Amino acid sequence: MQYLTVHVLPGRKLFKSRATGATVLVAALAAAMSVTLVGGAAAAAHGVPLGTANRFAVLAGAGITNTGPTTVTGDLGTYPTTTMTGVGSLTINGTNHAGDAVTQQAKADLVTGYNTAAGEGPTSPITADLGGQNLSPGVYNSASSIGLTGTLILDAHGKSNATFVFQAGSTLTTASASSVKLVNGARACNVYWQVGSSATLGTGSSFRGSILAKASITVTTGTTVHGRVLARNGAVTLDTDTIHISTCAAVHTHKGHKAHKGHKGHKGSGGSGTARPPKRPFGLTG
């Protein structure tokens, strides 16, 4: 009697089958082995392209309103509604583009970034408030709202390019004094919050990452944001806040005592040439 031996995976059992019906068995096993189960979203997250919107700390579609002394490090603008109120209380370490051509291009790039973030996957479901959770890099999705009460920890596990994408079908709301904490190499420039409607950051909260909201964004009194508040269609409302744009700078690695590759003037086998670091107009990383 002839037998067919099939090795499924190393370390697993061998299955033997009679030659009769072997074709059906092999086909079934092949189909089963071709299915990959996603046990987490860690490998799924990718960077979200923001284009020229990358240099904006505040970007709106229906105007910007500010109350009290607010500091914005990065550019700001609004289009198609160009109304800005409370500008006299704003300290802008960047450029106020209002509704100019730069803002208009940034708004177009924001749409691309928003759609990219919304399409990231596979996803891990968000089934409860994010407060008290410790999350690894990945894509996290709620078909409805996302809430944050307390502290959310984002752990990059030592990977400088670790990316976190949060997708909210409707709203993003953080409670007063809530915070997002980055550990083990996580950087605010690699954290994205795609919001299907509006976002509200609670009083005195500390937030990290770029908010890409389809409607409006409200940053309440005394809030600090390391990232961006980017509203596609709605207004951005500020009140005595601090918003610092976060950009990812190139990471230089050392190899023994060799020179940095691409740095002119260093001797050794590390290469030669002129290094061109990325543009960091505001000198901030996160």
Protein backbone atom coordinates (compact mmCIF):
# COMPACT_ATOMS: atom_id res chain seq x y z
CA MET A 1 0.00 0.00 0.00
CA GLN A 2 1.40 3.43 -0.96
CA TYR A 3 1.45 6.26 1.53
CA LEU A 4 1.86 9.99 1.14
CA THR A 5 3.85 11.80 3.83
CA VAL A 6 3.12 15.48 4.40
CA HIS A 7 5.38 17.70 6.54
CA VAL A 8 3.10 20.46 7.84
CA LEU A 9 5.56 22.63 9.82
CA PRO A 10 8.85 21.92 11.60
CA GLY A 11 8.26 20.55 15.05
CA ARG A 12 4.72 19.43 14.32
CA LYS A 13 3.26 15.97 13.69
CA LEU A 14 3.66 14.10 10.45
CA PHE A 15 0.46 12.97 8.82
CA LYS A 16 0.27 9.88 6.64
CA SER A 17 -2.55 9.20 4.29
CA ARG A 18 -3.40 6.42 1.90
CA ALA A 19 -2.73 7.30 -1.73
CA THR A 20 -6.46 7.10 -2.31
CA GLY A 21 -7.82 10.61 -1.81
CA ALA A 22 -4.29 12.01 -1.37
CA THR A 23 -4.93 14.81 -3.85
CA VAL A 24 -7.90 16.04 -1.83
CA LEU A 25 -5.93 15.83 1.42
CA VAL A 26 -2.96 17.77 0.05
CA ALA A 27 -5.23 20.46 -1.35
CA ALA A 28 -6.99 20.83 1.97
CA LEU A 29 -3.73 21.04 3.90
CA ALA A 30 -2.28 23.56 1.47
CA ALA A 31 -5.32 25.76 1.82
CA ALA A 32 -5.19 25.57 5.60
CA MET A 33 -1.48 26.40 5.71
CA SER A 34 -1.94 29.40 3.41
CA VAL A 35 -4.14 31.19 5.94
CA THR A 36 -2.19 33.59 8.15
CA LEU A 37 -3.82 34.58 11.40
CA VAL A 38 -2.99 38.05 12.66
CA GLY A 39 -2.31 37.83 16.36
CA GLY A 40 -1.73 41.57 16.71
CA ALA A 41 -1.35 44.75 14.76
CA ALA A 42 2.32 45.30 15.56
CA ALA A 43 3.58 44.68 12.03
CA ALA A 44 0.77 46.55 10.32
CA ALA A 45 1.38 50.19 11.18
CA HIS A 46 3.17 52.37 8.65
CA GLY A 47 4.02 56.04 8.61
CA VAL A 48 1.23 58.37 7.52
CA PRO A 49 2.30 60.79 4.75
CA LEU A 50 1.36 64.36 5.64
CA GLY A 51 3.19 66.11 2.82
CA THR A 52 3.34 69.86 3.36
CA ALA A 53 0.90 69.55 6.27
CA ASN A 54 3.82 68.06 8.18
CA ARG A 55 5.14 71.52 9.08
CA PHE A 56 1.79 72.73 10.47
CA ALA A 57 1.11 72.56 14.19
CA VAL A 58 -2.42 73.92 13.69
CA LEU A 59 -4.40 73.52 10.48
CA ALA A 60 -8.13 74.09 10.10
CA GLY A 61 -10.85 74.11 7.49
CA ALA A 62 -13.34 76.47 9.14
CA GLY A 63 -11.26 78.99 11.07
CA ILE A 64 -9.12 79.17 14.21
CA THR A 65 -10.32 80.62 17.51
CA ASN A 66 -7.97 81.28 20.42
CA THR A 67 -8.62 82.46 23.98
CA GLY A 68 -5.81 83.37 26.37
CA PRO A 69 -2.05 83.12 25.87
CA THR A 70 -1.33 80.13 23.63
CA THR A 71 2.07 79.15 22.24
CA VAL A 72 2.27 77.37 18.90
CA THR A 73 5.62 76.04 17.70
CA GLY A 74 5.10 75.27 14.03
CA ASP A 75 3.08 76.82 11.21
CA LEU A 76 -0.66 77.44 11.29
CA GLY A 77 -3.33 78.21 8.73
CA THR A 78 -6.98 77.75 7.82
CA TYR A 79 -8.80 77.23 4.52
CA PRO A 80 -11.36 77.62 2.96
CA THR A 81 -12.66 79.64 5.91
CA THR A 82 -9.82 82.03 6.70
CA THR A 83 -11.23 83.62 9.87
CA MET A 84 -8.86 83.80 12.85
CA THR A 85 -9.78 85.29 16.22
CA GLY A 86 -7.59 85.83 19.25
CA VAL A 87 -4.42 85.95 17.17
CA GLY A 88 -3.10 88.74 19.39
CA SER A 89 -2.83 86.22 22.26
CA LEU A 90 -0.93 83.70 20.14
CA THR A 91 2.84 83.30 20.29
CA ILE A 92 3.75 81.70 16.98
CA ASN A 93 7.18 80.14 16.58
CA GLY A 94 6.62 79.52 12.93
CA THR A 95 4.59 81.13 10.14
CA ASN A 96 0.96 82.16 10.13
CA HIS A 97 -0.01 81.19 6.59
CA ALA A 98 -3.67 82.14 7.12
CA GLY A 99 -5.43 80.99 3.93
CA ASP A 100 -2.55 81.35 1.47
CA ALA A 101 -1.41 78.89 -1.20
CA VAL A 102 0.81 77.05 1.31
CA THR A 103 -2.19 76.41 3.53
CA GLN A 104 -4.29 75.30 0.58
CA GLN A 105 -1.68 72.74 -0.46
CA ALA A 106 -1.35 71.56 3.14
CA LYS A 107 -5.12 71.03 3.31
CA ALA A 108 -4.97 68.89 0.16
CA ASP A 109 -2.10 66.86 1.63
CA LEU A 110 -4.04 66.46 4.87
CA VAL A 111 -6.85 64.75 2.98
CA THR A 112 -4.34 62.26 1.58
CA GLY A 113 -2.86 61.63 5.02
CA TYR A 114 -6.29 61.25 6.59
CA ASN A 115 -7.38 58.68 4.01
CA THR A 116 -4.11 56.77 4.41
CA ALA A 117 -4.49 56.62 8.18
CA ALA A 118 -8.12 55.52 7.85
CA GLY A 119 -7.08 52.68 5.54
CA GLU A 120 -4.28 51.26 7.71
CA GLY A 121 -4.64 47.67 8.81
CA PRO A 122 -5.05 44.95 9.91
CA THR A 123 -6.33 46.43 13.13
CA SER A 124 -6.66 45.54 16.78
CA PRO A 125 -10.05 46.49 18.27
CA ILE A 126 -10.46 49.19 20.90
CA THR A 127 -13.12 47.88 23.26
CA ALA A 128 -12.58 50.06 26.32
CA ASP A 129 -11.18 53.37 27.50
CA LEU A 130 -7.49 53.68 26.63
CA GLY A 131 -6.55 54.84 30.12
CA GLY A 132 -4.36 52.38 32.02
CA GLN A 133 -3.36 50.47 28.90
CA ASN A 134 0.18 49.75 27.69
CA LEU A 135 0.18 49.31 23.91
CA SER A 136 2.76 48.10 21.40
CA PRO A 137 3.16 49.59 17.90
CA GLY A 138 0.22 48.85 15.63
CA VAL A 139 -3.13 49.98 14.29
CA TYR A 140 -5.98 50.28 16.79
CA ASN A 141 -9.57 50.77 15.69
CA SER A 142 -12.89 51.76 17.21
CA ALA A 143 -15.96 51.79 14.98
CA SER A 144 -17.38 54.51 17.22
CA SER A 145 -15.57 56.72 19.73
CA ILE A 146 -12.20 56.63 21.49
CA GLY A 147 -11.93 57.81 25.10
CA LEU A 148 -8.89 58.40 27.29
CA THR A 149 -9.13 58.80 31.06
CA GLY A 150 -5.87 58.62 33.00
CA THR A 151 -2.64 57.59 31.31
CA LEU A 152 -2.05 55.66 28.09
CA ILE A 153 1.44 54.20 27.63
CA LEU A 154 2.82 53.64 24.13
CA ASP A 155 5.81 51.28 24.15
CA ALA A 156 8.11 51.21 21.09
CA HIS A 157 10.21 48.32 22.48
CA GLY A 158 13.40 50.09 21.44
CA LYS A 159 12.41 50.66 17.80
CA SER A 160 12.86 54.29 16.79
CA ASN A 161 10.51 53.95 13.81
CA ALA A 162 7.73 52.23 15.74
CA THR A 163 4.39 53.59 14.54
CA PHE A 164 1.03 53.82 16.30
CA VAL A 165 -2.20 54.56 14.41
CA PHE A 166 -5.52 55.04 16.19
CA GLN A 167 -8.73 55.07 14.16
CA ALA A 168 -11.96 56.48 15.62
CA GLY A 169 -15.17 56.06 13.67
CA SER A 170 -16.63 59.10 15.38
CA THR A 171 -15.02 61.10 18.21
CA LEU A 172 -11.83 61.29 20.23
CA THR A 173 -12.26 62.63 23.78
CA THR A 174 -9.66 62.88 26.50
CA ALA A 175 -10.54 63.59 30.13
CA SER A 176 -9.08 66.38 32.25
CA ALA A 177 -5.49 65.72 33.36
CA SER A 178 -5.22 62.69 31.07
CA SER A 179 -1.95 61.91 29.33
CA VAL A 180 -0.22 59.91 26.63
CA LYS A 181 3.18 58.64 27.77
CA LEU A 182 5.88 57.41 25.37
CA VAL A 183 8.42 54.81 26.53
CA ASN A 184 11.31 52.75 25.15
CA GLY A 185 11.98 54.93 22.12
CA ALA A 186 8.42 55.82 21.13
CA ARG A 187 8.18 59.23 19.45
CA ALA A 188 5.25 61.58 19.06
CA CYS A 189 6.08 62.05 15.38
CA ASN A 190 5.12 58.41 14.82
CA VAL A 191 1.74 58.56 16.56
CA TYR A 192 -1.40 59.33 14.52
CA TRP A 193 -5.02 59.77 15.59
CA GLN A 194 -7.50 59.56 12.70
CA VAL A 195 -10.88 60.83 13.88
CA GLY A 196 -14.09 60.36 11.89
CA SER A 197 -15.75 63.47 13.30
CA SER A 198 -14.42 65.75 16.08
CA ALA A 199 -11.75 65.62 18.78
CA THR A 200 -11.76 67.25 22.22
CA LEU A 201 -8.73 67.33 24.52
CA GLY A 202 -9.64 67.77 28.19
CA THR A 203 -8.46 70.55 30.50
CA GLY A 204 -4.86 70.24 31.62
CA SER A 205 -4.21 67.12 29.57
CA SER A 206 -0.89 66.13 28.02
CA PHE A 207 -1.31 64.69 24.56
CA ARG A 208 1.11 63.20 22.03
CA GLY A 209 0.66 62.54 18.36
CA SER A 210 -0.92 64.13 15.31
CA ILE A 211 -4.71 64.44 15.31
CA LEU A 212 -6.25 64.19 11.84
CA ALA A 213 -9.91 65.02 12.35
CA LYS A 214 -12.54 65.15 9.64
CA ALA A 215 -14.50 67.83 11.48
CA SER A 216 -13.35 70.07 14.36
CA ILE A 217 -10.72 69.96 17.11
CA THR A 218 -11.12 71.61 20.52
CA VAL A 219 -8.07 71.97 22.73
CA THR A 220 -9.35 73.07 26.13
CA THR A 221 -7.64 75.18 28.78
CA GLY A 222 -4.08 74.39 29.82
CA THR A 223 -3.48 71.48 27.44
CA THR A 224 -0.08 70.56 26.03
CA VAL A 225 0.18 68.84 22.66
CA HIS A 226 3.38 67.35 21.28
CA GLY A 227 2.27 66.76 17.71
CA ARG A 228 -0.34 68.45 15.52
CA VAL A 229 -3.99 69.44 15.53
CA LEU A 230 -5.20 69.14 11.93
CA ALA A 231 -8.90 69.60 11.16
CA ARG A 232 -10.03 68.87 7.58
CA ASN A 233 -13.42 70.58 7.49
CA GLY A 234 -14.08 72.11 10.89
CA ALA A 235 -12.60 74.75 13.16
CA VAL A 236 -9.75 74.53 15.65
CA THR A 237 -10.44 76.06 19.07
CA LEU A 238 -7.57 76.85 21.45
CA ASP A 239 -7.51 78.18 25.02
CA THR A 240 -4.26 78.94 26.84
CA ASP A 241 -2.49 75.93 25.36
CA THR A 242 0.98 74.84 24.27
CA ILE A 243 1.33 73.05 20.96
CA HIS A 244 4.75 71.83 19.80
CA ILE A 245 5.09 70.24 16.38
CA SER A 246 6.96 66.91 16.49
CA THR A 247 9.21 65.86 13.63
CA CYS A 248 11.27 62.71 13.22
CA ALA A 249 14.96 63.39 12.68
CA ALA A 250 17.25 60.87 11.02
CA VAL A 251 18.81 58.41 13.44
CA HIS A 252 22.59 58.01 13.10
CA THR A 253 24.06 54.71 14.22
CA HIS A 254 27.61 53.97 15.31
CA LYS A 255 29.53 50.96 14.07
CA GLY A 256 32.57 50.36 16.22
CA HIS A 257 34.96 53.29 15.88
CA LYS A 258 34.18 53.88 12.25
CA ALA A 259 33.12 57.25 10.98
CA HIS A 260 29.52 58.17 10.38
CA LYS A 261 28.56 57.17 6.89
CA GLY A 262 28.05 60.17 4.70
CA HIS A 263 29.76 62.72 6.97
CA LYS A 264 32.44 64.69 5.21
CA GLY A 265 35.77 65.09 6.92
CA HIS A 266 35.71 61.96 9.08
CA LYS A 267 38.47 59.50 8.37
CA GLY A 268 38.01 55.80 8.48
CA SER A 269 36.06 53.24 6.52
CA GLY A 270 32.67 54.73 7.33
CA GLY A 271 32.39 56.44 3.98
CA SER A 272 32.72 60.01 2.82
CA GLY A 273 30.60 62.73 1.37
CA THR A 274 28.42 65.54 2.62
CA ALA A 275 25.68 64.73 5.08
CA ARG A 276 22.34 66.36 4.47
CA PRO A 277 20.23 66.18 7.61
CA PRO A 278 16.47 66.47 7.18
CA LYS A 279 14.90 69.89 7.41
CA ARG A 280 13.84 70.61 10.98
CA PRO A 281 12.67 74.22 10.83
CA PHE A 282 11.76 74.36 14.49
CA GLY A 283 14.51 72.23 15.99
CA LEU A 284 12.14 69.89 17.81
CA THR A 285 11.90 66.14 17.73
CA GLY A 286 9.52 63.84 19.50
